[in-house]
Amino acid sequence: MNKILDEYKTNISNFELLPSVNGVFDVFIDGALVFSRKAINRMPNENEIEDLIASKM
């Protein structure tokens, strides 16, 4: 996450990590769900979240 914050620090106004239960790992950008571990039944691949964030910036 440091890489994301360093690269997009001028574009990110809010960043939150919220604890969850039952295997939930969701990533939202501007309120839109862009990744859901539970929906696709797997954890993200290496750099997958970073790539999703980069595509939305």
C-alpha atoms as a PDB file:
ATOM      1  CA  MET A   1       0.000   0.000   0.000  1.00  0.00           C
ATOM      2  CA  ASN A   2       2.923   2.348   0.532  1.00  0.00           C
ATOM      3  CA  LYS A   3       3.647   2.165  -3.189  1.00  0.00           C
ATOM      4  CA  ILE A   4       0.099   3.262  -3.973  1.00  0.00           C
ATOM      5  CA  LEU A   5       0.171   6.092  -1.446  1.00  0.00           C
ATOM      6  CA  ASP A   6       3.555   7.316  -2.688  1.00  0.00           C
ATOM      7  CA  GLU A   7       2.547   7.194  -6.350  1.00  0.00           C
ATOM      8  CA  TYR A   8      -0.916   8.748  -5.988  1.00  0.00           C
ATOM      9  CA  LYS A   9      -0.509  10.928  -2.899  1.00  0.00           C
ATOM     10  CA  THR A  10      -1.786  14.010  -4.708  1.00  0.00           C
ATOM     11  CA  ASN A  11      -4.865  12.133  -5.990  1.00  0.00           C
ATOM     12  CA  ILE A  12      -5.903  10.297  -2.807  1.00  0.00           C
ATOM     13  CA  SER A  13      -7.890  12.321  -0.304  1.00  0.00           C
ATOM     14  CA  ASN A  14      -9.041   9.412   1.876  1.00  0.00           C
ATOM     15  CA  PHE A  15      -7.672   5.934   2.541  1.00  0.00           C
ATOM     16  CA  GLU A  16      -9.205   3.466   5.011  1.00  0.00           C
ATOM     17  CA  LEU A  17      -8.399  -0.068   6.122  1.00  0.00           C
ATOM     18  CA  LEU A  18     -11.327  -1.641   7.903  1.00  0.00           C
ATOM     19  CA  PRO A  19     -11.152  -4.979   9.714  1.00  0.00           C
ATOM     20  CA  SER A  20     -13.615  -7.583   8.569  1.00  0.00           C
ATOM     21  CA  VAL A  21     -14.724 -11.154   9.238  1.00  0.00           C
ATOM     22  CA  ASN A  22     -15.676 -14.271   7.265  1.00  0.00           C
ATOM     23  CA  GLY A  23     -13.018 -13.845   4.589  1.00  0.00           C
ATOM     24  CA  VAL A  24     -14.273 -10.520   3.287  1.00  0.00           C
ATOM     25  CA  PHE A  25     -11.653  -8.526   1.364  1.00  0.00           C
ATOM     26  CA  ASP A  26     -13.295  -5.752  -0.633  1.00  0.00           C
ATOM     27  CA  VAL A  27     -11.676  -2.792  -2.363  1.00  0.00           C
ATOM     28  CA  PHE A  28     -13.725   0.293  -3.152  1.00  0.00           C
ATOM     29  CA  ILE A  29     -12.644   3.311  -5.188  1.00  0.00           C
ATOM     30  CA  ASP A  30     -14.888   6.378  -4.925  1.00  0.00           C
ATOM     31  CA  GLY A  31     -17.618   4.185  -3.467  1.00  0.00           C
ATOM     32  CA  ALA A  32     -17.525   1.631  -6.297  1.00  0.00           C
ATOM     33  CA  LEU A  33     -16.575  -1.972  -5.563  1.00  0.00           C
ATOM     34  CA  VAL A  34     -13.591  -2.867  -7.760  1.00  0.00           C
ATOM     35  CA  PHE A  35     -12.496  -6.118  -6.096  1.00  0.00           C
ATOM     36  CA  SER A  36     -14.326  -8.622  -3.922  1.00  0.00           C
ATOM     37  CA  ARG A  37     -12.549 -11.740  -2.702  1.00  0.00           C
ATOM     38  CA  LYS A  38     -15.855 -13.306  -1.668  1.00  0.00           C
ATOM     39  CA  ALA A  39     -17.497 -12.648  -5.050  1.00  0.00           C
ATOM     40  CA  ILE A  40     -14.708 -14.285  -7.068  1.00  0.00           C
ATOM     41  CA  ASN A  41     -13.618 -16.762  -4.363  1.00  0.00           C
ATOM     42  CA  ARG A  42      -9.912 -15.896  -4.402  1.00  0.00           C
ATOM     43  CA  MET A  43      -7.419 -13.418  -3.026  1.00  0.00           C
ATOM     44  CA  PRO A  44      -5.974 -10.856  -5.446  1.00  0.00           C
ATOM     45  CA  ASN A  45      -2.943 -11.757  -7.516  1.00  0.00           C
ATOM     46  CA  GLU A  46       0.303  -9.878  -6.999  1.00  0.00           C
ATOM     47  CA  ASN A  47      -0.150  -6.260  -8.117  1.00  0.00           C
ATOM     48  CA  GLU A  48      -3.830  -6.819  -9.002  1.00  0.00           C
ATOM     49  CA  ILE A  49      -5.088  -4.221  -6.520  1.00  0.00           C
ATOM     50  CA  GLU A  50      -2.391  -1.755  -7.546  1.00  0.00           C
ATOM     51  CA  ASP A  51      -3.366  -2.249 -11.212  1.00  0.00           C
ATOM     52  CA  LEU A  52      -7.054  -1.693 -10.406  1.00  0.00           C
ATOM     53  CA  ILE A  53      -6.252   1.510  -8.548  1.00  0.00           C
ATOM     54  CA  ALA A  54      -3.974   2.735 -11.346  1.00  0.00           C
ATOM     55  CA  SER A  55      -6.706   2.107 -13.919  1.00  0.00           C
ATOM     56  CA  LYS A  56      -9.120   4.313 -11.929  1.00  0.00           C
ATOM     57  CA  MET A  57      -6.712   7.228 -11.434  1.00  0.00           C
END
